[in-house]
Amino acid sequence: MECDMSVRSGILAVLSLGPAYGSQVHGEVETRMHRVGSINVGQIYSTLDRLQSQGFVINEGMTGDGLPLYALTARGRAEVETWLTTADAGSSWSDFVGHVLLVASLPGAPVDDLVRGYRDAFGEEAVPTADSTDEPLAALGEQATRVLSRSALAWLDDVQRVLSTSDHARPLGSMRPRRGRRPRQSS
């Protein structure tokens, strides 16, 4: 199963914080992109393998308990730098939200530049006009684009309001994810 581009970029962005093991990357990407439960950990590992074979990521040794650590190469770091400020209005709503949230969670990241880019991408002049208003489906498509654009701009207003009152950036987490279920309490 292929990981989408936003998750691929999210993995690279998380690794910009420092070396991390696969399950740690999984947890960080899910929570920072507000996609908890929607990303299969196997997708993370297969994407890390592809990123490694493409020269974006290297193996950086092991944790104390033998988990492989992944780190960015110069090529991976350059990819992250581009992604941090590149707004893609053609992405899905989930990818758009995840992109902004993840960038806002990274210390020193240019979230204001990204928000500005998305504002430009979703602005009035970015909304296409139908060739013929006589075509009801074309008019409905145009209306849907306008509604989504207004929603995106309103959400970006909320993002800027929240970020102006507090810093939500955080370093790479060190909490180990729990595996399995807690044992049942016997009665």
N, C-alpha and C. Protein backbone atom coordinates (compact mmCIF):
# COMPACT_ATOMS: atom_id res chain seq x y z
N MET A 1 0.85 -1.18 0.00
CA MET A 1 0.00 0.00 0.00
C MET A 1 0.89 1.24 0.00
N GLU A 2 0.63 2.16 -0.86
CA GLU A 2 1.42 3.38 -1.04
C GLU A 2 1.01 4.46 -0.05
N CYS A 3 2.00 5.12 0.54
CA CYS A 3 1.74 6.24 1.45
C CYS A 3 1.55 7.49 0.60
N ASP A 4 0.58 8.34 0.93
CA ASP A 4 0.38 9.54 0.13
C ASP A 4 1.51 10.54 0.34
N MET A 5 1.59 11.52 -0.57
CA MET A 5 2.69 12.48 -0.55
C MET A 5 2.73 13.28 0.74
N SER A 6 1.59 13.60 1.33
CA SER A 6 1.61 14.39 2.56
C SER A 6 2.24 13.60 3.70
N VAL A 7 1.96 12.31 3.77
CA VAL A 7 2.56 11.48 4.82
C VAL A 7 4.05 11.33 4.55
N ARG A 8 4.43 11.14 3.31
CA ARG A 8 5.84 11.05 2.94
C ARG A 8 6.57 12.31 3.39
N SER A 9 5.99 13.46 3.06
CA SER A 9 6.59 14.74 3.45
C SER A 9 6.56 14.90 4.97
N GLY A 10 5.49 14.44 5.60
CA GLY A 10 5.40 14.50 7.05
C GLY A 10 6.50 13.69 7.73
N ILE A 11 6.82 12.53 7.18
CA ILE A 11 7.91 11.71 7.71
C ILE A 11 9.22 12.48 7.63
N LEU A 12 9.48 13.07 6.48
CA LEU A 12 10.71 13.85 6.33
C LEU A 12 10.73 15.03 7.30
N ALA A 13 9.60 15.70 7.46
CA ALA A 13 9.53 16.86 8.37
C ALA A 13 9.80 16.44 9.81
N VAL A 14 9.24 15.32 10.23
CA VAL A 14 9.49 14.83 11.59
C VAL A 14 10.98 14.51 11.76
N LEU A 15 11.58 13.91 10.75
CA LEU A 15 13.01 13.58 10.85
C LEU A 15 13.89 14.83 10.83
N SER A 16 13.34 15.99 10.43
CA SER A 16 14.12 17.23 10.50
C SER A 16 14.38 17.62 11.96
N LEU A 17 13.64 17.02 12.89
CA LEU A 17 13.84 17.27 14.32
C LEU A 17 14.97 16.44 14.90
N GLY A 18 15.41 15.42 14.16
CA GLY A 18 16.49 14.56 14.63
C GLY A 18 16.19 13.11 14.32
N PRO A 19 17.18 12.24 14.55
CA PRO A 19 16.98 10.81 14.28
C PRO A 19 15.83 10.23 15.11
N ALA A 20 15.10 9.31 14.50
CA ALA A 20 13.96 8.68 15.17
C ALA A 20 13.77 7.27 14.63
N TYR A 21 13.15 6.41 15.43
CA TYR A 21 12.85 5.05 14.98
C TYR A 21 11.45 5.03 14.38
N GLY A 22 11.15 3.99 13.62
CA GLY A 22 9.92 3.94 12.83
C GLY A 22 8.64 4.16 13.58
N SER A 23 8.45 3.49 14.70
CA SER A 23 7.21 3.64 15.46
C SER A 23 7.09 5.05 16.04
N GLN A 24 8.23 5.63 16.39
CA GLN A 24 8.26 7.01 16.88
C GLN A 24 7.83 7.97 15.77
N VAL A 25 8.35 7.76 14.56
CA VAL A 25 7.96 8.57 13.41
C VAL A 25 6.46 8.45 13.18
N HIS A 26 5.95 7.23 13.24
CA HIS A 26 4.52 6.98 13.05
C HIS A 26 3.69 7.81 14.03
N GLY A 27 4.01 7.73 15.31
CA GLY A 27 3.26 8.47 16.32
C GLY A 27 3.34 9.97 16.13
N GLU A 28 4.53 10.46 15.79
CA GLU A 28 4.71 11.90 15.59
C GLU A 28 3.92 12.40 14.38
N VAL A 29 3.98 11.67 13.27
CA VAL A 29 3.26 12.09 12.06
C VAL A 29 1.75 12.08 12.33
N GLU A 30 1.26 11.01 12.95
CA GLU A 30 -0.18 10.94 13.22
C GLU A 30 -0.66 12.08 14.12
N THR A 31 0.04 12.34 15.21
CA THR A 31 -0.44 13.37 16.13
C THR A 31 -0.23 14.77 15.58
N ARG A 32 0.89 15.02 14.94
CA ARG A 32 1.16 16.37 14.42
C ARG A 32 0.26 16.71 13.24
N MET A 33 -0.15 15.71 12.45
CA MET A 33 -1.02 15.96 11.29
C MET A 33 -2.50 15.75 11.63
N HIS A 34 -2.78 15.46 12.89
CA HIS A 34 -4.15 15.20 13.34
C HIS A 34 -4.78 14.07 12.52
N ARG A 35 -4.03 12.98 12.41
CA ARG A 35 -4.52 11.83 11.64
C ARG A 35 -4.41 10.55 12.46
N VAL A 36 -4.58 10.64 13.77
CA VAL A 36 -4.42 9.49 14.65
C VAL A 36 -5.36 8.37 14.22
N GLY A 37 -4.77 7.19 14.05
CA GLY A 37 -5.53 6.01 13.66
C GLY A 37 -5.74 5.85 12.17
N SER A 38 -5.33 6.84 11.39
CA SER A 38 -5.60 6.74 9.95
C SER A 38 -4.37 6.36 9.13
N ILE A 39 -3.22 6.23 9.79
CA ILE A 39 -2.00 5.88 9.06
C ILE A 39 -1.51 4.54 9.59
N ASN A 40 -1.38 3.58 8.71
CA ASN A 40 -0.90 2.25 9.07
C ASN A 40 0.60 2.31 9.32
N VAL A 41 1.05 1.74 10.43
CA VAL A 41 2.48 1.78 10.76
C VAL A 41 3.31 1.09 9.67
N GLY A 42 2.75 0.08 9.01
CA GLY A 42 3.46 -0.58 7.91
C GLY A 42 3.73 0.37 6.76
N GLN A 43 2.80 1.31 6.52
CA GLN A 43 3.01 2.33 5.48
C GLN A 43 4.21 3.21 5.83
N ILE A 44 4.35 3.52 7.11
CA ILE A 44 5.48 4.34 7.55
C ILE A 44 6.79 3.61 7.27
N TYR A 45 6.86 2.33 7.65
CA TYR A 45 8.10 1.58 7.44
C TYR A 45 8.41 1.40 5.96
N SER A 46 7.40 1.10 5.15
CA SER A 46 7.67 0.93 3.71
C SER A 46 8.08 2.26 3.08
N THR A 47 7.50 3.36 3.55
CA THR A 47 7.90 4.67 3.04
C THR A 47 9.31 5.01 3.49
N LEU A 48 9.66 4.70 4.73
CA LEU A 48 11.03 4.92 5.20
C LEU A 48 12.02 4.13 4.34
N ASP A 49 11.67 2.89 4.00
CA ASP A 49 12.54 2.08 3.13
C ASP A 49 12.72 2.75 1.77
N ARG A 50 11.62 3.23 1.18
CA ARG A 50 11.71 3.91 -0.12
C ARG A 50 12.53 5.19 -0.01
N LEU A 51 12.30 5.96 1.04
CA LEU A 51 13.06 7.21 1.23
C LEU A 51 14.55 6.91 1.39
N GLN A 52 14.85 5.79 2.02
CA GLN A 52 16.25 5.39 2.19
C GLN A 52 16.85 5.01 0.83
N SER A 53 16.13 4.23 0.04
CA SER A 53 16.66 3.83 -1.27
C SER A 53 16.75 5.00 -2.24
N GLN A 54 15.93 6.05 -2.03
CA GLN A 54 15.97 7.24 -2.89
C GLN A 54 16.99 8.28 -2.42
N GLY A 55 17.65 8.02 -1.29
CA GLY A 55 18.69 8.92 -0.82
C GLY A 55 18.21 10.09 0.03
N PHE A 56 16.99 10.03 0.55
CA PHE A 56 16.47 11.10 1.41
C PHE A 56 16.73 10.82 2.89
N VAL A 57 16.89 9.53 3.22
CA VAL A 57 17.02 9.09 4.61
C VAL A 57 18.15 8.07 4.69
N ILE A 58 18.86 8.07 5.82
CA ILE A 58 19.89 7.06 6.08
C ILE A 58 19.61 6.39 7.42
N ASN A 59 20.23 5.22 7.61
CA ASN A 59 20.18 4.56 8.90
C ASN A 59 21.24 5.21 9.78
N GLU A 60 20.85 5.66 10.95
CA GLU A 60 21.74 6.41 11.85
C GLU A 60 22.02 5.61 13.11
N GLY A 61 22.21 4.32 13.00
CA GLY A 61 22.50 3.51 14.17
C GLY A 61 21.24 2.90 14.78
N MET A 62 21.34 2.62 16.08
CA MET A 62 20.26 1.93 16.78
C MET A 62 19.98 2.59 18.13
N THR A 63 18.76 2.39 18.60
CA THR A 63 18.43 2.82 19.96
C THR A 63 19.10 1.84 20.92
N GLY A 64 19.06 2.15 22.20
CA GLY A 64 19.64 1.27 23.20
C GLY A 64 19.04 -0.12 23.21
N ASP A 65 17.80 -0.24 22.76
CA ASP A 65 17.16 -1.56 22.74
C ASP A 65 17.04 -2.13 21.32
N GLY A 66 17.89 -1.64 20.42
CA GLY A 66 18.03 -2.27 19.11
C GLY A 66 17.08 -1.83 18.01
N LEU A 67 16.39 -0.71 18.17
CA LEU A 67 15.52 -0.23 17.09
C LEU A 67 16.33 0.65 16.14
N PRO A 68 16.17 0.45 14.83
CA PRO A 68 16.93 1.27 13.88
C PRO A 68 16.48 2.73 13.90
N LEU A 69 17.45 3.63 13.90
CA LEU A 69 17.18 5.07 13.86
C LEU A 69 17.33 5.56 12.43
N TYR A 70 16.42 6.40 12.00
CA TYR A 70 16.46 7.01 10.68
C TYR A 70 16.80 8.48 10.82
N ALA A 71 17.56 9.00 9.85
CA ALA A 71 17.93 10.42 9.87
C ALA A 71 17.90 10.95 8.44
N LEU A 72 17.76 12.25 8.29
CA LEU A 72 17.74 12.89 6.97
C LEU A 72 19.15 13.00 6.39
N THR A 73 19.21 12.89 5.08
CA THR A 73 20.42 13.24 4.34
C THR A 73 20.29 14.71 3.94
N ALA A 74 21.31 15.25 3.30
CA ALA A 74 21.23 16.63 2.80
C ALA A 74 20.07 16.75 1.80
N ARG A 75 19.90 15.73 0.99
CA ARG A 75 18.81 15.72 0.00
C ARG A 75 17.45 15.72 0.71
N GLY A 76 17.32 14.95 1.77
CA GLY A 76 16.08 14.91 2.54
C GLY A 76 15.80 16.24 3.21
N ARG A 77 16.85 16.87 3.74
CA ARG A 77 16.69 18.18 4.39
C ARG A 77 16.23 19.23 3.37
N ALA A 78 16.78 19.19 2.16
CA ALA A 78 16.38 20.14 1.11
C ALA A 78 14.91 19.93 0.73
N GLU A 79 14.49 18.68 0.67
CA GLU A 79 13.08 18.37 0.37
C GLU A 79 12.16 18.95 1.44
N VAL A 80 12.55 18.82 2.70
CA VAL A 80 11.75 19.36 3.81
C VAL A 80 11.66 20.88 3.70
N GLU A 81 12.78 21.52 3.44
CA GLU A 81 12.80 22.99 3.35
C GLU A 81 11.82 23.49 2.30
N THR A 82 11.73 22.80 1.18
CA THR A 82 10.78 23.17 0.13
C THR A 82 9.34 22.94 0.59
N TRP A 83 9.08 21.78 1.18
CA TRP A 83 7.72 21.41 1.61
C TRP A 83 7.19 22.36 2.67
N LEU A 84 8.06 22.86 3.54
CA LEU A 84 7.62 23.73 4.64
C LEU A 84 6.91 24.99 4.16
N THR A 85 7.22 25.45 2.96
CA THR A 85 6.65 26.72 2.48
C THR A 85 5.83 26.58 1.20
N THR A 86 5.66 25.37 0.70
CA THR A 86 4.95 25.18 -0.56
C THR A 86 3.50 24.80 -0.33
N ALA A 87 2.60 25.73 -0.60
CA ALA A 87 1.16 25.48 -0.46
C ALA A 87 0.65 24.76 -1.69
N ASP A 88 -0.14 23.72 -1.48
CA ASP A 88 -0.72 22.96 -2.59
C ASP A 88 -2.24 22.98 -2.46
N ALA A 89 -2.87 23.94 -3.11
CA ALA A 89 -4.33 24.07 -3.02
C ALA A 89 -5.05 22.90 -3.68
N GLY A 90 -4.34 22.12 -4.49
CA GLY A 90 -4.94 20.97 -5.14
C GLY A 90 -4.95 19.72 -4.27
N SER A 91 -4.38 19.81 -3.08
CA SER A 91 -4.34 18.65 -2.20
C SER A 91 -5.70 18.45 -1.53
N SER A 92 -5.88 17.28 -0.96
CA SER A 92 -7.15 17.01 -0.26
C SER A 92 -7.25 17.89 0.98
N TRP A 93 -8.45 18.02 1.51
CA TRP A 93 -8.67 18.82 2.72
C TRP A 93 -7.80 18.27 3.86
N SER A 94 -7.79 16.96 4.02
CA SER A 94 -7.01 16.32 5.08
C SER A 94 -5.52 16.63 4.93
N ASP A 95 -5.01 16.58 3.70
CA ASP A 95 -3.60 16.88 3.46
C ASP A 95 -3.29 18.35 3.74
N PHE A 96 -4.19 19.24 3.35
CA PHE A 96 -4.03 20.67 3.60
C PHE A 96 -3.96 20.94 5.11
N VAL A 97 -4.92 20.41 5.86
CA VAL A 97 -4.95 20.60 7.31
C VAL A 97 -3.71 19.99 7.95
N GLY A 98 -3.37 18.77 7.56
CA GLY A 98 -2.20 18.10 8.11
C GLY A 98 -0.92 18.86 7.84
N HIS A 99 -0.80 19.41 6.65
CA HIS A 99 0.39 20.19 6.27
C HIS A 99 0.56 21.38 7.20
N VAL A 100 -0.50 22.17 7.36
CA VAL A 100 -0.42 23.37 8.20
C VAL A 100 -0.15 22.98 9.66
N LEU A 101 -0.86 21.98 10.17
CA LEU A 101 -0.68 21.59 11.56
C LEU A 101 0.73 21.06 11.83
N LEU A 102 1.24 20.24 10.92
CA LEU A 102 2.58 19.70 11.14
C LEU A 102 3.62 20.81 11.11
N VAL A 103 3.55 21.69 10.13
CA VAL A 103 4.52 22.79 10.05
C VAL A 103 4.43 23.67 11.30
N ALA A 104 3.22 23.93 11.78
CA ALA A 104 3.05 24.74 12.99
C ALA A 104 3.65 24.06 14.22
N SER A 105 3.79 22.74 14.18
CA SER A 105 4.32 22.01 15.34
C SER A 105 5.85 21.94 15.35
N LEU A 106 6.50 22.39 14.28
CA LEU A 106 7.96 22.29 14.19
C LEU A 106 8.63 23.57 14.69
N PRO A 107 9.55 23.46 15.64
CA PRO A 107 10.25 24.65 16.13
C PRO A 107 10.97 25.39 15.00
N GLY A 108 10.75 26.68 14.91
CA GLY A 108 11.44 27.52 13.92
C GLY A 108 10.94 27.40 12.49
N ALA A 109 9.88 26.63 12.26
CA ALA A 109 9.37 26.45 10.90
C ALA A 109 8.64 27.71 10.43
N PRO A 110 8.69 27.99 9.13
CA PRO A 110 8.07 29.20 8.58
C PRO A 110 6.57 29.06 8.34
N VAL A 111 5.81 28.82 9.40
CA VAL A 111 4.38 28.58 9.26
C VAL A 111 3.66 29.79 8.67
N ASP A 112 4.13 31.01 8.97
CA ASP A 112 3.48 32.20 8.41
C ASP A 112 3.61 32.23 6.89
N ASP A 113 4.76 31.80 6.37
CA ASP A 113 4.95 31.74 4.91
C ASP A 113 4.00 30.72 4.29
N LEU A 114 3.85 29.58 4.95
CA LEU A 114 2.95 28.54 4.44
C LEU A 114 1.50 29.03 4.44
N VAL A 115 1.09 29.67 5.53
CA VAL A 115 -0.29 30.19 5.62
C VAL A 115 -0.52 31.23 4.53
N ARG A 116 0.45 32.11 4.32
CA ARG A 116 0.34 33.11 3.24
C ARG A 116 0.19 32.43 1.88
N GLY A 117 0.97 31.39 1.66
CA GLY A 117 0.88 30.65 0.40
C GLY A 117 -0.49 30.03 0.19
N TYR A 118 -1.04 29.44 1.25
CA TYR A 118 -2.39 28.86 1.15
C TYR A 118 -3.44 29.95 0.98
N ARG A 119 -3.26 31.09 1.62
CA ARG A 119 -4.21 32.21 1.43
C ARG A 119 -4.23 32.62 -0.04
N ASP A 120 -3.06 32.72 -0.65
CA ASP A 120 -2.99 33.07 -2.07
C ASP A 120 -3.65 31.99 -2.92
N ALA A 121 -3.39 30.72 -2.58
CA ALA A 121 -3.93 29.61 -3.36
C ALA A 121 -5.45 29.51 -3.27
N PHE A 122 -6.02 29.88 -2.12
CA PHE A 122 -7.46 29.79 -1.93
C PHE A 122 -8.18 31.12 -2.12
N GLY A 123 -7.48 32.17 -2.50
CA GLY A 123 -8.08 33.49 -2.67
C GLY A 123 -9.08 33.54 -3.80
N GLU A 124 -9.86 34.61 -3.86
CA GLU A 124 -10.92 34.80 -4.86
C GLU A 124 -10.42 34.58 -6.28
N GLU A 125 -9.24 35.12 -6.60
CA GLU A 125 -8.75 34.99 -7.98
C GLU A 125 -8.34 33.55 -8.31
N ALA A 126 -8.21 32.70 -7.29
CA ALA A 126 -7.85 31.31 -7.53
C ALA A 126 -9.06 30.45 -7.88
N VAL A 127 -10.26 30.96 -7.66
CA VAL A 127 -11.48 30.20 -7.94
C VAL A 127 -11.81 30.33 -9.42
N PRO A 128 -11.84 29.19 -10.14
CA PRO A 128 -12.15 29.24 -11.57
C PRO A 128 -13.60 29.62 -11.81
N THR A 129 -13.85 30.21 -12.95
CA THR A 129 -15.24 30.52 -13.32
C THR A 129 -15.65 29.57 -14.43
N ALA A 130 -16.90 29.12 -14.35
CA ALA A 130 -17.41 28.19 -15.36
C ALA A 130 -17.53 28.91 -16.70
N ASP A 131 -17.34 28.16 -17.79
CA ASP A 131 -17.45 28.73 -19.13
C ASP A 131 -18.87 29.20 -19.41
N SER A 132 -19.83 28.49 -18.85
CA SER A 132 -21.22 28.84 -19.13
C SER A 132 -22.05 28.71 -17.86
N THR A 133 -22.69 29.78 -17.49
CA THR A 133 -23.56 29.72 -16.31
C THR A 133 -24.86 29.00 -16.65
N ASP A 134 -25.06 28.68 -17.93
CA ASP A 134 -26.24 27.93 -18.33
C ASP A 134 -26.10 26.45 -17.96
N GLU A 135 -24.89 26.03 -17.69
CA GLU A 135 -24.62 24.63 -17.36
C GLU A 135 -24.73 24.46 -15.84
N PRO A 136 -25.81 23.84 -15.35
CA PRO A 136 -26.02 23.75 -13.90
C PRO A 136 -24.92 22.99 -13.15
N LEU A 137 -24.40 21.92 -13.74
CA LEU A 137 -23.36 21.16 -13.06
C LEU A 137 -22.07 21.96 -12.95
N ALA A 138 -21.74 22.71 -13.98
CA ALA A 138 -20.54 23.56 -13.94
C ALA A 138 -20.71 24.63 -12.86
N ALA A 139 -21.90 25.19 -12.78
CA ALA A 139 -22.17 26.21 -11.76
C ALA A 139 -22.07 25.61 -10.35
N LEU A 140 -22.57 24.38 -10.18
CA LEU A 140 -22.46 23.72 -8.88
C LEU A 140 -21.01 23.43 -8.52
N GLY A 141 -20.23 23.01 -9.50
CA GLY A 141 -18.80 22.77 -9.27
C GLY A 141 -18.09 24.04 -8.85
N GLU A 142 -18.41 25.14 -9.53
CA GLU A 142 -17.82 26.44 -9.19
C GLU A 142 -18.24 26.86 -7.78
N GLN A 143 -19.51 26.64 -7.45
CA GLN A 143 -20.00 26.98 -6.11
C GLN A 143 -19.26 26.16 -5.05
N ALA A 144 -19.07 24.87 -5.29
CA ALA A 144 -18.36 24.01 -4.34
C ALA A 144 -16.93 24.50 -4.12
N THR A 145 -16.27 24.90 -5.18
CA THR A 145 -14.91 25.42 -5.06
C THR A 145 -14.89 26.70 -4.22
N ARG A 146 -15.86 27.57 -4.45
CA ARG A 146 -15.94 28.82 -3.65
C ARG A 146 -16.18 28.52 -2.17
N VAL A 147 -17.08 27.57 -1.89
CA VAL A 147 -17.39 27.22 -0.50
C VAL A 147 -16.15 26.64 0.18
N LEU A 148 -15.46 25.74 -0.49
CA LEU A 148 -14.24 25.16 0.09
C LEU A 148 -13.17 26.23 0.29
N SER A 149 -13.03 27.12 -0.66
CA SER A 149 -12.04 28.20 -0.53
C SER A 149 -12.36 29.10 0.65
N ARG A 150 -13.63 29.46 0.80
CA ARG A 150 -14.02 30.30 1.95
C ARG A 150 -13.76 29.57 3.27
N SER A 151 -14.05 28.28 3.29
CA SER A 151 -13.81 27.48 4.50
C SER A 151 -12.32 27.42 4.82
N ALA A 152 -11.51 27.22 3.79
CA ALA A 152 -10.06 27.18 4.00
C ALA A 152 -9.55 28.51 4.53
N LEU A 153 -10.01 29.60 3.96
CA LEU A 153 -9.58 30.93 4.42
C LEU A 153 -10.03 31.20 5.85
N ALA A 154 -11.25 30.79 6.20
CA ALA A 154 -11.74 30.97 7.57
C ALA A 154 -10.91 30.14 8.55
N TRP A 155 -10.58 28.91 8.16
CA TRP A 155 -9.76 28.06 9.02
C TRP A 155 -8.36 28.66 9.18
N LEU A 156 -7.80 29.20 8.11
CA LEU A 156 -6.49 29.85 8.20
C LEU A 156 -6.53 31.06 9.12
N ASP A 157 -7.66 31.78 9.15
CA ASP A 157 -7.83 32.87 10.13
C ASP A 157 -7.71 32.31 11.55
N ASP A 158 -8.37 31.18 11.79
CA ASP A 158 -8.31 30.55 13.12
C ASP A 158 -6.88 30.11 13.45
N VAL A 159 -6.20 29.55 12.47
CA VAL A 159 -4.80 29.13 12.67
C VAL A 159 -3.96 30.32 13.10
N GLN A 160 -4.07 31.42 12.38
CA GLN A 160 -3.28 32.60 12.71
C GLN A 160 -3.64 33.16 14.08
N ARG A 161 -4.91 33.14 14.43
CA ARG A 161 -5.34 33.62 15.74
C ARG A 161 -4.72 32.77 16.85
N VAL A 162 -4.80 31.45 16.72
CA VAL A 162 -4.26 30.55 17.74
C VAL A 162 -2.74 30.68 17.83
N LEU A 163 -2.08 30.72 16.68
CA LEU A 163 -0.62 30.79 16.70
C LEU A 163 -0.11 32.14 17.20
N SER A 164 -0.92 33.19 17.09
CA SER A 164 -0.48 34.50 17.56
C SER A 164 -0.54 34.61 19.08
N THR A 165 -1.29 33.72 19.72
CA THR A 165 -1.41 33.79 21.18
C THR A 165 -0.51 32.81 21.91
N SER A 166 -0.01 31.80 21.22
CA SER A 166 0.87 30.84 21.89
C SER A 166 1.69 30.06 20.86
N ASP A 167 2.80 29.51 21.35
CA ASP A 167 3.69 28.73 20.49
C ASP A 167 3.33 27.26 20.66
N HIS A 168 3.01 26.61 19.57
CA HIS A 168 2.63 25.21 19.62
C HIS A 168 3.71 24.29 19.09
N ALA A 169 4.87 24.86 18.78
CA ALA A 169 5.98 24.04 18.29
C ALA A 169 6.51 23.18 19.44
N ARG A 170 6.91 21.98 19.08
CA ARG A 170 7.46 21.09 20.10
C ARG A 170 8.56 20.21 19.49
N PRO A 171 9.51 19.82 20.32
CA PRO A 171 10.59 18.96 19.81
C PRO A 171 10.08 17.54 19.58
N LEU A 172 10.94 16.71 19.06
CA LEU A 172 10.64 15.30 18.87
C LEU A 172 10.35 14.68 20.23
N GLY A 173 9.25 13.96 20.33
CA GLY A 173 8.88 13.33 21.60
C GLY A 173 9.80 12.17 21.95
N SER A 174 9.99 11.97 23.23
CA SER A 174 10.84 10.86 23.67
C SER A 174 10.03 9.74 24.31
N MET A 175 8.72 9.94 24.44
CA MET A 175 7.85 8.93 25.04
C MET A 175 7.74 7.74 24.10
N ARG A 176 8.04 6.56 24.63
CA ARG A 176 7.94 5.34 23.83
C ARG A 176 6.47 4.96 23.68
N PRO A 177 6.03 4.66 22.44
CA PRO A 177 4.64 4.24 22.28
C PRO A 177 4.41 2.91 22.99
N ARG A 178 3.23 2.77 23.57
CA ARG A 178 2.89 1.50 24.22
C ARG A 178 2.47 0.51 23.16
N ARG A 179 2.79 -0.72 23.41
CA ARG A 179 2.40 -1.78 22.50
C ARG A 179 1.45 -2.72 23.24
N GLY A 180 0.48 -3.23 22.53
CA GLY A 180 -0.43 -4.21 23.11
C GLY A 180 -1.42 -3.62 24.09
N ARG A 181 -2.12 -4.49 24.74
CA ARG A 181 -3.15 -4.08 25.69
C ARG A 181 -2.64 -4.30 27.11
N ARG A 182 -3.23 -3.55 28.02
CA ARG A 182 -2.90 -3.78 29.43
C ARG A 182 -3.49 -5.13 29.84
N PRO A 183 -2.83 -5.81 30.75
CA PRO A 183 -3.39 -7.08 31.22
C PRO A 183 -4.72 -6.85 31.94
N ARG A 184 -5.60 -7.80 31.82
CA ARG A 184 -6.89 -7.71 32.52
C ARG A 184 -6.65 -7.83 34.02
N GLN A 185 -7.44 -7.07 34.75
CA GLN A 185 -7.40 -7.17 36.21
C GLN A 185 -8.28 -8.35 36.62
N SER A 186 -7.72 -9.26 37.39
CA SER A 186 -8.55 -10.38 37.85
C SER A 186 -9.36 -9.95 39.05
N SER A 187 -10.58 -10.47 39.14
CA SER A 187 -11.45 -10.06 40.24
C SER A 187 -11.47 -11.07 41.34
